[in-house]
Amino acid sequence: MELPSLLQDLHLLSSSSSDKDPPCHAPLPILELLSQLQEKLTGPSSNSEKVSLIGRVEVLFQKTDADWLLSAASSDGEWAELRSAYRSLVSALIGCAALSDCEDDCASLPSSAYQDVPSRAAAVCSALAALLGILGRGGVCAGLLVAVAADVCVFAVTHFQEQPWTSSSSRLAARGLQGELLKAGGWRDSAHLLMGDGNQDGEGGDSGGILGGILDVLQPRLKKDSWWRCEPVKLVFAWTLLQVTRPSLSPHLPHLLPPSLLLNDHYRPENCILGIRCLHHIVCNAPAAELRHFNRAEVIYTALFKHLYTTEADIIQASLSCLLDLLLVLESPPSSLTPSSCPRMPGRHDDVLRLVLTNMEAEHKVALRRVYAAALPPYIERMGTAVCRHLRRLDQVLLGYLEVGDPAGEASRLAALVALQGVIRGAWPRMESRLGVLLRSLLKLLLDVSADSTLSDDVKQQLRSQATLCIQLLDHCCHQKLQPLLQQVDSSCCSDDVLGCLAAVTVTTGR
């Protein structure tokens, strides 16, 4: 279809007629054409009519050359007006596939609310890709590309993730749109699109990113009383944040931290975990001085610490992992402190470890026991010799975890053995007084493992090797005083596997 015919089909031709001459049709000025296109796209129509209209707009972009697109711009003021017109048109196109807002934050919208969205989204992606094909020619079009890039990126990210409002075809179209955007601006990948080459003053392409523009698009929807109304907003925000690393994250920290805290504080587990992931990314990629400024690190610590009182395994796991990195921002690790004549004052490392041990001691849910046991070793290693402050509680917890089996992979027992090794290394001067209790528990574990027919050979071998290492460490700490106790073991009551483990300790000691 030729351009004049297409414009006439869209009723976007100016006409003048006289009594003698037939009507003479001419294209509208570009600004007026863009304005009328916007009106048509935002007007009421059925789903099929809207998809058809978007398709004709796509053909219009395909038939249009760059000279006509830029025909209205000759001065800075006209360039600004043209950029605004194109951004308004892109917003109107994106609005054709807009999602309905949730009435409250208690539940998501039903699937029926998104019935027409995938087909419209696929059509919009094709139309926007056609426009990007023109704007990607560089030169004077670069300013227009930067003006619409943030809106296009937000739309693409909204629809290329597997969600109730997407289909396989709409996700494919959205991924194609994202690829066209990268190609048009000369960006290597999504991270380069957001951050550029580190030049915050650049205008797209290879010089700068569009992170600020995306945050400007999202910011009105990321307020406390409205972020939950549109479900894609949180997903786009999280996707954007997780792509940004240092040093590009620091200048935008005031805009990235508040939404992350809002997600973290939400009562729905999926939102809470998403918020913790965002906070963890901020902690790992923002300078420590920036996090300590305005007590941001304290605020994050308080927000995470309260999760340790919940019973959601995924939330606790994510919180403990984030706290481990955050504590390095708030205070020096106890293991790095030099000995002094004055007792070390308890710090936040102690607070977290104390609460974890309290929760572990009374926990009976298998999923939570695994989470706590897996999180304990790095905290013990971080404590160093300061673990002596918690030695009594650690004895009770770890020995209790060694007594109770964890079916299949024995994840809890294996993690408890690793944690016990860390305790022995950190508090080795205190081990001699605990030698009898620890040795009995480890020998009982070896006997239970050898007699358990439900465990695979691989799991048994892991448990035996870790328990043997614990016994060897104990023997070194006690200056080989373990040998008389090992000699008292009745070989007639032990399997060959257990005797092999004890023999390995004796051989190692003899060397």
Protein backbone atom coordinates (compact mmCIF):
# COMPACT_ATOMS: atom_id res chain seq x y z
CA MET A 1 0.00 0.00 0.00
CA GLU A 2 1.39 3.43 -1.00
CA LEU A 3 1.77 6.12 1.65
CA PRO A 4 -1.00 8.44 0.34
CA SER A 5 -3.44 5.53 0.17
CA LEU A 6 -2.51 4.48 3.67
CA LEU A 7 -2.98 7.99 5.03
CA GLN A 8 -6.33 8.23 3.27
CA ASP A 9 -7.32 4.88 4.80
CA LEU A 10 -6.46 6.30 8.21
CA HIS A 11 -8.33 9.53 7.39
CA LEU A 12 -5.10 11.46 7.86
CA LEU A 13 -5.12 13.52 4.62
CA SER A 14 -5.99 17.16 4.31
CA SER A 15 -8.39 17.88 1.46
CA SER A 16 -9.41 21.04 -0.36
CA SER A 17 -12.01 21.19 -3.12
CA SER A 18 -13.69 23.75 -5.35
CA ASP A 19 -16.68 23.70 -7.64
CA LYS A 20 -14.53 22.99 -10.68
CA ASP A 21 -11.64 20.90 -9.40
CA PRO A 22 -11.75 17.44 -7.79
CA PRO A 23 -10.50 17.07 -4.20
CA CYS A 24 -6.73 17.41 -3.87
CA HIS A 25 -5.24 15.34 -1.08
CA ALA A 26 -1.95 16.16 0.70
CA PRO A 27 -0.30 14.71 3.80
CA LEU A 28 -0.85 16.52 7.07
CA PRO A 29 2.10 18.25 8.74
CA ILE A 30 3.97 15.62 10.79
CA LEU A 31 3.08 17.12 14.19
CA GLU A 32 -0.62 17.21 13.32
CA LEU A 33 -0.43 13.67 11.93
CA LEU A 34 1.19 12.38 15.12
CA SER A 35 -1.45 14.14 17.20
CA GLN A 36 -4.31 12.62 15.21
CA LEU A 37 -2.73 9.17 15.36
CA GLN A 38 -2.57 9.53 19.11
CA GLU A 39 -6.26 10.46 19.27
CA LYS A 40 -7.24 7.44 17.16
CA LEU A 41 -5.16 5.06 19.30
CA THR A 42 -6.63 6.35 22.55
CA GLY A 43 -10.21 6.32 21.30
CA PRO A 44 -12.73 3.62 22.21
CA SER A 45 -12.79 0.54 19.97
CA SER A 46 -13.09 -3.22 20.09
CA ASN A 47 -10.07 -5.49 20.41
CA SER A 48 -10.09 -6.46 16.71
CA GLU A 49 -10.46 -2.83 15.62
CA LYS A 50 -7.62 -1.77 17.90
CA VAL A 51 -5.30 -4.51 16.59
CA SER A 52 -6.19 -3.55 13.01
CA LEU A 53 -5.46 0.12 13.69
CA ILE A 54 -2.11 -0.73 15.27
CA GLY A 55 -1.26 -2.83 12.21
CA ARG A 56 -1.95 0.09 9.89
CA VAL A 57 0.22 2.34 12.05
CA GLU A 58 2.98 -0.24 11.72
CA VAL A 59 2.68 -0.12 7.93
CA LEU A 60 2.75 3.68 8.12
CA PHE A 61 6.08 3.54 9.97
CA GLN A 62 7.42 1.06 7.45
CA LYS A 63 6.48 3.31 4.50
CA THR A 64 7.78 6.51 6.10
CA ASP A 65 11.29 7.83 5.56
CA ALA A 66 13.32 9.73 8.12
CA ASP A 67 13.16 13.04 6.21
CA TRP A 68 9.40 13.22 6.54
CA LEU A 69 9.56 12.20 10.22
CA LEU A 70 11.88 15.12 10.93
CA SER A 71 10.31 17.63 8.58
CA ALA A 72 8.88 19.73 11.41
CA ALA A 73 12.18 20.28 13.24
CA SER A 74 14.60 23.07 12.40
CA SER A 75 15.24 24.74 15.78
CA ASP A 76 15.77 23.53 19.35
CA GLY A 77 12.22 24.41 20.29
CA GLU A 78 10.79 22.49 17.37
CA TRP A 79 13.03 19.51 18.18
CA ALA A 80 11.67 19.47 21.74
CA GLU A 81 8.10 19.63 20.39
CA LEU A 82 8.78 16.78 17.96
CA ARG A 83 10.35 14.60 20.68
CA SER A 84 7.34 15.22 22.90
CA ALA A 85 4.97 14.31 20.04
CA TYR A 86 6.74 11.03 19.34
CA ARG A 87 6.85 10.11 23.00
CA SER A 88 3.13 10.83 23.28
CA LEU A 89 2.47 8.61 20.26
CA VAL A 90 4.58 5.79 21.74
CA SER A 91 2.69 6.15 25.03
CA ALA A 92 -0.60 5.92 23.15
CA LEU A 93 0.57 2.74 21.40
CA ILE A 94 1.69 1.23 24.70
CA GLY A 95 -1.63 2.22 26.26
CA CYS A 96 -3.41 -0.02 23.73
CA ALA A 97 -2.00 -3.02 25.64
CA ALA A 98 -2.36 -1.52 29.10
CA LEU A 99 -3.22 -3.82 32.00
CA SER A 100 -6.10 -3.20 34.36
CA ASP A 101 -5.23 -1.95 37.81
CA CYS A 102 -5.83 -4.08 40.90
CA GLU A 103 -8.48 -2.71 43.23
CA ASP A 104 -6.56 -3.79 46.34
CA ASP A 105 -3.33 -5.57 47.23
CA CYS A 106 -4.96 -8.69 48.64
CA ALA A 107 -4.85 -10.72 45.43
CA SER A 108 -3.87 -10.60 41.77
CA LEU A 109 -6.36 -10.06 38.97
CA PRO A 110 -7.93 -13.18 37.43
CA SER A 111 -6.62 -14.46 34.10
CA SER A 112 -9.81 -13.28 32.38
CA ALA A 113 -8.75 -9.68 33.02
CA TYR A 114 -5.82 -10.19 30.63
CA GLN A 115 -7.68 -11.98 27.86
CA ASP A 116 -7.11 -9.33 25.14
CA VAL A 117 -3.71 -8.13 26.32
CA PRO A 118 -1.36 -10.63 24.55
CA SER A 119 -2.76 -10.00 21.05
CA ARG A 120 -2.63 -6.24 21.50
CA ALA A 121 0.85 -6.40 23.02
CA ALA A 122 2.19 -8.41 20.06
CA ALA A 123 0.73 -5.86 17.62
CA VAL A 124 2.20 -2.94 19.58
CA CYS A 125 5.62 -4.63 19.65
CA SER A 126 5.58 -4.93 15.86
CA ALA A 127 4.57 -1.28 15.43
CA LEU A 128 7.23 -0.03 17.83
CA ALA A 129 9.86 -2.21 16.17
CA ALA A 130 9.00 -0.58 12.83
CA LEU A 131 9.43 2.86 14.37
CA LEU A 132 12.77 1.87 15.92
CA GLY A 133 13.92 0.70 12.51
CA ILE A 134 13.69 4.32 11.36
CA LEU A 135 15.05 5.95 14.51
CA GLY A 136 18.00 3.55 14.56
CA ARG A 137 19.55 5.11 11.49
CA GLY A 138 21.52 7.44 13.75
CA GLY A 139 22.36 11.06 13.07
CA VAL A 140 19.53 13.45 13.81
CA CYS A 141 17.24 10.53 14.74
CA ALA A 142 19.33 9.74 17.84
CA GLY A 143 17.56 12.36 19.92
CA LEU A 144 14.16 10.90 19.06
CA LEU A 145 15.41 7.41 19.91
CA VAL A 146 16.56 8.51 23.36
CA ALA A 147 13.20 10.24 23.93
CA VAL A 148 11.20 7.03 23.42
CA ALA A 149 13.77 4.40 24.52
CA ALA A 150 12.75 4.31 28.20
CA ASP A 151 9.04 3.82 27.45
CA VAL A 152 9.80 1.13 24.86
CA CYS A 153 12.14 -0.70 27.24
CA VAL A 154 9.59 -0.70 30.07
CA PHE A 155 6.94 -2.07 27.72
CA ALA A 156 9.25 -4.80 26.38
CA VAL A 157 10.29 -5.92 29.87
CA THR A 158 6.65 -5.98 30.96
CA HIS A 159 5.75 -8.45 28.23
CA PHE A 160 8.80 -10.68 27.70
CA GLN A 161 8.50 -12.30 31.14
CA GLU A 162 6.29 -15.32 31.68
CA GLN A 163 3.28 -13.84 33.41
CA PRO A 164 -0.54 -14.22 33.30
CA TRP A 165 -0.82 -11.26 30.89
CA THR A 166 1.58 -12.74 28.32
CA SER A 167 1.47 -15.59 25.80
CA SER A 168 4.22 -17.35 23.89
CA SER A 169 3.65 -15.12 20.87
CA SER A 170 3.56 -11.88 22.86
CA ARG A 171 6.72 -12.86 24.76
CA LEU A 172 8.48 -13.61 21.48
CA ALA A 173 7.37 -10.25 20.07
CA ALA A 174 8.53 -8.42 23.20
CA ARG A 175 11.95 -10.07 23.09
CA GLY A 176 12.18 -9.07 19.45
CA LEU A 177 11.29 -5.49 20.38
CA GLN A 178 14.01 -5.45 23.03
CA GLY A 179 16.49 -6.68 20.44
CA GLU A 180 15.42 -3.95 18.00
CA LEU A 181 15.89 -1.33 20.71
CA LEU A 182 19.42 -2.54 21.46
CA LYS A 183 20.23 -2.60 17.75
CA ALA A 184 18.79 0.86 17.14
CA GLY A 185 20.86 2.50 19.87
CA GLY A 186 24.03 0.49 19.39
CA TRP A 187 23.80 -1.01 22.89
CA ARG A 188 25.54 -4.34 23.44
CA ASP A 189 23.09 -5.79 25.96
CA SER A 190 20.52 -4.81 28.58
CA ALA A 191 23.15 -3.73 31.10
CA HIS A 192 24.79 -1.48 28.51
CA LEU A 193 21.37 -0.11 27.59
CA LEU A 194 20.78 0.93 31.20
CA MET A 195 24.26 2.06 32.22
CA GLY A 196 25.97 2.94 28.96
CA ASP A 197 29.75 3.29 29.29
CA GLY A 198 29.60 5.04 32.63
CA ASN A 199 29.10 8.55 31.22
CA GLN A 200 26.02 9.87 32.95
CA ASP A 201 25.84 12.89 30.68
CA GLY A 202 25.70 10.97 27.42
CA GLU A 203 22.66 10.71 25.21
CA GLY A 204 22.22 7.04 24.48
CA GLY A 205 24.15 4.90 22.07
CA ASP A 206 27.66 4.12 23.20
CA SER A 207 27.96 7.11 25.53
CA GLY A 208 25.17 6.83 28.09
CA GLY A 209 22.34 4.66 29.35
CA ILE A 210 18.66 5.18 29.91
CA LEU A 211 18.44 4.14 33.57
CA GLY A 212 17.36 7.61 34.65
CA GLY A 213 14.66 7.69 31.99
CA ILE A 214 13.28 4.31 33.05
CA LEU A 215 13.15 5.39 36.69
CA ASP A 216 11.29 8.53 35.62
CA VAL A 217 8.73 6.33 33.85
CA LEU A 218 8.33 4.02 36.84
CA GLN A 219 8.52 6.57 39.65
CA PRO A 220 4.87 7.75 39.55
CA ARG A 221 3.72 4.10 39.96
CA LEU A 222 6.23 3.21 42.70
CA LYS A 223 4.63 5.18 45.51
CA LYS A 224 3.55 3.57 48.76
CA ASP A 225 -0.16 3.75 48.03
CA SER A 226 -0.05 2.76 44.36
CA TRP A 227 2.82 0.37 43.53
CA TRP A 228 0.66 -2.71 44.08
CA ARG A 229 -2.10 -1.54 41.70
CA CYS A 230 -0.17 -2.50 38.57
CA GLU A 231 1.61 -5.84 38.90
CA PRO A 232 4.22 -5.36 36.14
CA VAL A 233 5.64 -2.28 37.85
CA LYS A 234 7.43 -4.26 40.56
CA LEU A 235 8.76 -6.77 38.01
CA VAL A 236 10.11 -4.08 35.69
CA PHE A 237 11.67 -2.25 38.64
CA ALA A 238 13.35 -5.43 39.93
CA TRP A 239 14.58 -6.36 36.44
CA THR A 240 16.03 -2.88 36.00
CA LEU A 241 17.72 -2.76 39.39
CA LEU A 242 19.27 -6.22 39.09
CA GLN A 243 20.92 -5.19 35.80
CA VAL A 244 22.69 -2.18 37.32
CA THR A 245 26.06 -2.64 39.01
CA ARG A 246 28.64 -0.34 40.51
CA PRO A 247 29.49 2.44 39.91
CA SER A 248 26.29 3.26 37.99
CA LEU A 249 24.02 2.28 40.87
CA SER A 250 25.31 4.86 43.35
CA PRO A 251 23.94 8.05 41.69
CA HIS A 252 20.46 6.51 41.51
CA LEU A 253 20.44 5.04 45.03
CA PRO A 254 17.88 7.57 46.41
CA HIS A 255 15.40 6.36 43.76
CA LEU A 256 16.22 2.64 44.02
CA LEU A 257 16.23 2.08 47.77
CA PRO A 258 12.69 3.26 48.77
CA PRO A 259 10.82 0.94 46.33
CA SER A 260 13.03 -1.97 47.43
CA LEU A 261 12.07 -1.33 51.04
CA LEU A 262 8.39 -1.13 50.09
CA LEU A 263 8.57 -4.55 48.45
CA ASN A 264 10.54 -5.94 51.39
CA ASP A 265 7.89 -4.81 53.86
CA HIS A 266 4.94 -6.31 51.99
CA TYR A 267 3.02 -9.15 53.60
CA ARG A 268 2.86 -11.31 50.46
CA PRO A 269 5.89 -13.66 50.44
CA GLU A 270 6.62 -13.29 46.72
CA ASN A 271 6.80 -9.49 47.02
CA CYS A 272 8.85 -9.72 50.19
CA ILE A 273 11.42 -12.06 48.61
CA LEU A 274 11.62 -9.79 45.54
CA GLY A 275 12.31 -6.84 47.84
CA ILE A 276 15.04 -8.75 49.70
CA ARG A 277 16.69 -9.62 46.37
CA CYS A 278 16.66 -5.94 45.44
CA LEU A 279 18.12 -4.91 48.80
CA HIS A 280 20.82 -7.58 48.55
CA HIS A 281 21.79 -6.30 45.10
CA ILE A 282 22.00 -2.76 46.46
CA VAL A 283 24.17 -3.87 49.38
CA CYS A 284 26.56 -5.70 47.04
CA ASN A 285 26.80 -2.91 44.44
CA ALA A 286 26.62 0.35 46.38
CA PRO A 287 29.68 1.79 48.16
CA ALA A 288 29.71 1.19 51.91
CA ALA A 289 30.02 4.93 52.54
CA GLU A 290 26.87 5.59 50.49
CA LEU A 291 24.98 2.94 52.45
CA ARG A 292 26.08 4.38 55.79
CA HIS A 293 25.07 7.88 54.66
CA PHE A 294 21.72 8.95 56.13
CA ASN A 295 21.69 5.65 58.12
CA ARG A 296 20.55 3.74 55.04
CA ALA A 297 22.40 0.60 56.17
CA GLU A 298 20.68 0.78 59.58
CA VAL A 299 17.29 1.02 57.90
CA ILE A 300 18.05 -2.00 55.71
CA TYR A 301 19.33 -3.96 58.72
CA THR A 302 16.16 -3.29 60.70
CA ALA A 303 13.97 -4.24 57.73
CA LEU A 304 15.81 -7.55 57.26
CA PHE A 305 16.28 -8.48 60.91
CA LYS A 306 12.54 -8.58 61.55
CA HIS A 307 12.19 -11.33 58.92
CA LEU A 308 14.09 -13.69 61.21
CA TYR A 309 10.94 -13.86 63.35
CA THR A 310 8.86 -15.27 60.49
CA THR A 311 8.33 -18.93 59.60
CA GLU A 312 8.73 -18.63 55.81
CA ALA A 313 11.81 -20.63 54.83
CA ASP A 314 12.46 -18.72 51.59
CA ILE A 315 12.23 -15.34 53.31
CA ILE A 316 14.57 -16.38 56.12
CA GLN A 317 17.08 -17.84 53.68
CA ALA A 318 17.15 -14.67 51.58
CA SER A 319 17.33 -12.44 54.68
CA LEU A 320 20.24 -14.32 56.25
CA SER A 321 22.18 -14.21 53.00
CA CYS A 322 21.63 -10.47 52.66
CA LEU A 323 22.43 -9.80 56.32
CA LEU A 324 25.75 -11.60 55.98
CA ASP A 325 26.88 -9.01 53.40
CA LEU A 326 25.19 -6.07 55.09
CA LEU A 327 26.94 -6.69 58.42
CA LEU A 328 30.28 -5.96 56.75
CA VAL A 329 28.96 -2.48 55.98
CA LEU A 330 27.79 -1.85 59.54
CA GLU A 331 30.76 -3.20 61.48
CA SER A 332 34.10 -4.94 61.20
CA PRO A 333 33.87 -8.75 61.26
CA PRO A 334 34.71 -10.11 64.73
CA SER A 335 37.31 -12.44 63.21
CA SER A 336 39.36 -9.43 62.03
CA LEU A 337 39.55 -7.68 65.40
CA THR A 338 42.88 -7.77 67.22
CA PRO A 339 42.92 -9.18 70.77
CA SER A 340 42.72 -6.61 73.53
CA SER A 341 42.64 -6.56 77.30
CA CYS A 342 39.05 -5.33 77.32
CA PRO A 343 36.21 -7.73 76.48
CA ARG A 344 34.71 -7.21 73.05
CA MET A 345 31.32 -5.58 73.14
CA PRO A 346 28.57 -7.62 71.47
CA GLY A 347 27.72 -6.40 67.99
CA ARG A 348 25.17 -7.06 65.30
CA HIS A 349 26.94 -10.27 64.28
CA ASP A 350 26.24 -11.54 67.77
CA ASP A 351 22.60 -10.41 67.61
CA VAL A 352 21.96 -12.26 64.37
CA LEU A 353 23.78 -15.43 65.46
CA ARG A 354 22.02 -15.42 68.82
CA LEU A 355 18.57 -15.17 67.23
CA VAL A 356 19.42 -17.84 64.65
CA LEU A 357 20.51 -20.25 67.40
CA THR A 358 17.34 -19.52 69.37
CA ASN A 359 15.21 -20.30 66.32
CA MET A 360 17.22 -23.43 65.49
CA GLU A 361 16.91 -24.86 68.98
CA ALA A 362 13.14 -25.21 68.88
CA GLU A 363 12.62 -25.66 65.14
CA HIS A 364 10.93 -28.86 63.97
CA LYS A 365 10.05 -28.03 60.35
CA VAL A 366 12.41 -29.77 57.96
CA ALA A 367 12.55 -26.89 55.46
CA LEU A 368 13.48 -24.35 58.14
CA ARG A 369 16.03 -26.67 59.73
CA ARG A 370 17.77 -26.97 56.38
CA VAL A 371 17.78 -23.20 55.87
CA TYR A 372 19.21 -22.47 59.32
CA ALA A 373 21.80 -25.24 59.13
CA ALA A 374 23.01 -24.08 55.70
CA ALA A 375 23.24 -20.44 56.85
CA LEU A 376 25.16 -21.18 60.07
CA PRO A 377 28.69 -22.07 58.76
CA PRO A 378 29.47 -18.68 57.12
CA TYR A 379 28.34 -16.85 60.26
CA ILE A 380 30.56 -19.04 62.43
CA GLU A 381 33.50 -18.44 60.10
CA ARG A 382 32.84 -14.68 60.27
CA MET A 383 32.87 -14.78 64.09
CA GLY A 384 36.31 -16.39 64.37
CA THR A 385 37.44 -16.76 67.98
CA ALA A 386 34.48 -14.59 69.03
CA VAL A 387 32.34 -17.69 68.54
CA CYS A 388 33.38 -18.64 72.09
CA ARG A 389 30.72 -16.22 73.32
CA HIS A 390 28.05 -18.55 71.84
CA LEU A 391 29.78 -21.87 72.47
CA ARG A 392 27.24 -23.34 74.89
CA ARG A 393 24.30 -22.62 72.63
CA LEU A 394 26.19 -23.93 69.62
CA ASP A 395 26.93 -27.21 71.40
CA GLN A 396 23.26 -27.77 72.14
CA VAL A 397 22.05 -26.83 68.66
CA LEU A 398 24.66 -28.66 66.60
CA LEU A 399 24.56 -31.87 68.60
CA GLY A 400 20.78 -31.81 68.41
CA TYR A 401 20.89 -31.46 64.64
CA LEU A 402 23.36 -34.35 64.37
CA GLU A 403 20.97 -36.64 66.24
CA VAL A 404 17.95 -36.05 63.96
CA GLY A 405 18.11 -37.42 60.45
CA ASP A 406 17.16 -35.40 57.38
CA PRO A 407 15.76 -37.82 54.80
CA ALA A 408 17.22 -38.21 51.34
CA GLY A 409 20.18 -35.83 51.12
CA GLU A 410 20.83 -35.31 54.86
CA ALA A 411 21.34 -31.61 54.15
CA SER A 412 20.84 -30.54 57.76
CA ARG A 413 23.33 -33.02 59.16
CA LEU A 414 25.96 -32.22 56.55
CA ALA A 415 25.63 -28.48 57.19
CA ALA A 416 25.77 -29.07 60.96
CA LEU A 417 29.03 -31.02 60.53
CA VAL A 418 30.53 -28.17 58.50
CA ALA A 419 29.40 -25.71 61.17
CA LEU A 420 30.94 -27.90 63.90
CA GLN A 421 34.25 -27.85 62.04
CA GLY A 422 34.13 -24.05 62.05
CA VAL A 423 33.41 -24.03 65.79
CA ILE A 424 36.33 -26.37 66.51
CA ARG A 425 38.71 -24.21 64.47
CA GLY A 426 37.50 -20.95 65.99
CA ALA A 427 37.25 -22.06 69.64
CA TRP A 428 39.96 -24.73 69.69
CA PRO A 429 41.30 -23.83 73.19
CA ARG A 430 37.87 -24.67 74.63
CA MET A 431 37.51 -28.05 72.90
CA GLU A 432 39.34 -30.21 75.39
CA SER A 433 36.63 -29.79 78.02
CA ARG A 434 34.01 -30.81 75.45
CA LEU A 435 35.94 -33.70 73.98
CA GLY A 436 33.87 -36.52 75.50
CA VAL A 437 30.47 -35.10 74.54
CA LEU A 438 31.48 -34.24 71.00
CA LEU A 439 33.23 -37.55 70.36
CA ARG A 440 30.23 -39.56 71.58
CA SER A 441 27.91 -37.63 69.31
CA LEU A 442 30.17 -38.07 66.28
CA LEU A 443 30.64 -41.82 66.91
CA LYS A 444 26.89 -42.26 67.32
CA LEU A 445 26.39 -40.44 64.01
CA LEU A 446 28.83 -42.80 62.27
CA LEU A 447 27.03 -45.82 63.69
CA ASP A 448 23.59 -44.51 62.70
CA VAL A 449 24.75 -43.75 59.18
CA SER A 450 26.32 -47.17 58.68
CA ALA A 451 23.11 -48.88 59.84
CA ASP A 452 20.70 -46.70 57.80
CA SER A 453 19.70 -48.62 54.67
CA THR A 454 17.62 -45.74 53.29
CA LEU A 455 20.64 -43.55 52.58
CA SER A 456 22.51 -43.72 49.30
CA ASP A 457 26.20 -44.66 49.27
CA ASP A 458 27.14 -41.15 48.15
CA VAL A 459 25.35 -39.49 51.07
CA LYS A 460 26.84 -41.99 53.53
CA GLN A 461 30.32 -41.24 52.22
CA GLN A 462 29.80 -37.50 52.60
CA LEU A 463 28.60 -37.88 56.18
CA ARG A 464 31.48 -40.21 57.07
CA SER A 465 34.12 -37.92 55.57
CA GLN A 466 32.75 -34.82 57.30
CA ALA A 467 32.42 -36.60 60.65
CA THR A 468 35.95 -37.99 60.31
CA LEU A 469 37.27 -34.50 59.65
CA CYS A 470 35.56 -33.27 62.83
CA ILE A 471 37.24 -36.06 64.84
CA GLN A 472 40.62 -35.23 63.32
CA LEU A 473 40.21 -31.55 64.21
CA LEU A 474 39.28 -32.47 67.76
CA ASP A 475 42.34 -34.69 68.02
CA HIS A 476 44.62 -31.86 66.87
CA CYS A 477 43.02 -29.40 69.28
CA CYS A 478 43.53 -31.76 72.21
CA HIS A 479 47.13 -32.66 71.31
CA GLN A 480 46.37 -36.29 70.45
CA LYS A 481 44.52 -36.95 73.71
CA LEU A 482 41.79 -38.50 71.61
CA GLN A 483 43.74 -41.71 71.02
CA PRO A 484 42.96 -43.39 74.37
CA LEU A 485 39.26 -42.73 73.84
CA LEU A 486 39.33 -44.19 70.34
CA GLN A 487 41.04 -47.29 71.61
CA GLN A 488 38.07 -47.91 73.93
CA VAL A 489 35.72 -48.33 70.97
CA ASP A 490 34.51 -51.92 70.75
CA SER A 491 35.34 -53.10 67.24
CA SER A 492 32.76 -55.90 67.48
CA CYS A 493 29.98 -53.29 67.62
CA CYS A 494 31.18 -51.29 64.64
CA SER A 495 30.96 -51.85 60.93
CA ASP A 496 34.00 -51.86 58.71
CA ASP A 497 33.11 -48.36 57.50
CA VAL A 498 33.21 -46.95 61.03
CA LEU A 499 36.46 -48.71 61.81
CA GLY A 500 37.90 -47.31 58.58
CA CYS A 501 37.02 -43.80 59.67
CA LEU A 502 38.67 -44.30 63.06
CA ALA A 503 41.72 -45.83 61.41
CA ALA A 504 42.01 -42.74 59.19
CA VAL A 505 42.15 -40.55 62.32
CA THR A 506 44.85 -42.73 63.86
CA VAL A 507 46.96 -42.77 60.68
CA THR A 508 46.71 -39.01 60.29
CA THR A 509 47.70 -38.51 63.91
CA GLY A 510 50.63 -40.86 63.62
CA ARG A 511 52.08 -38.76 60.85
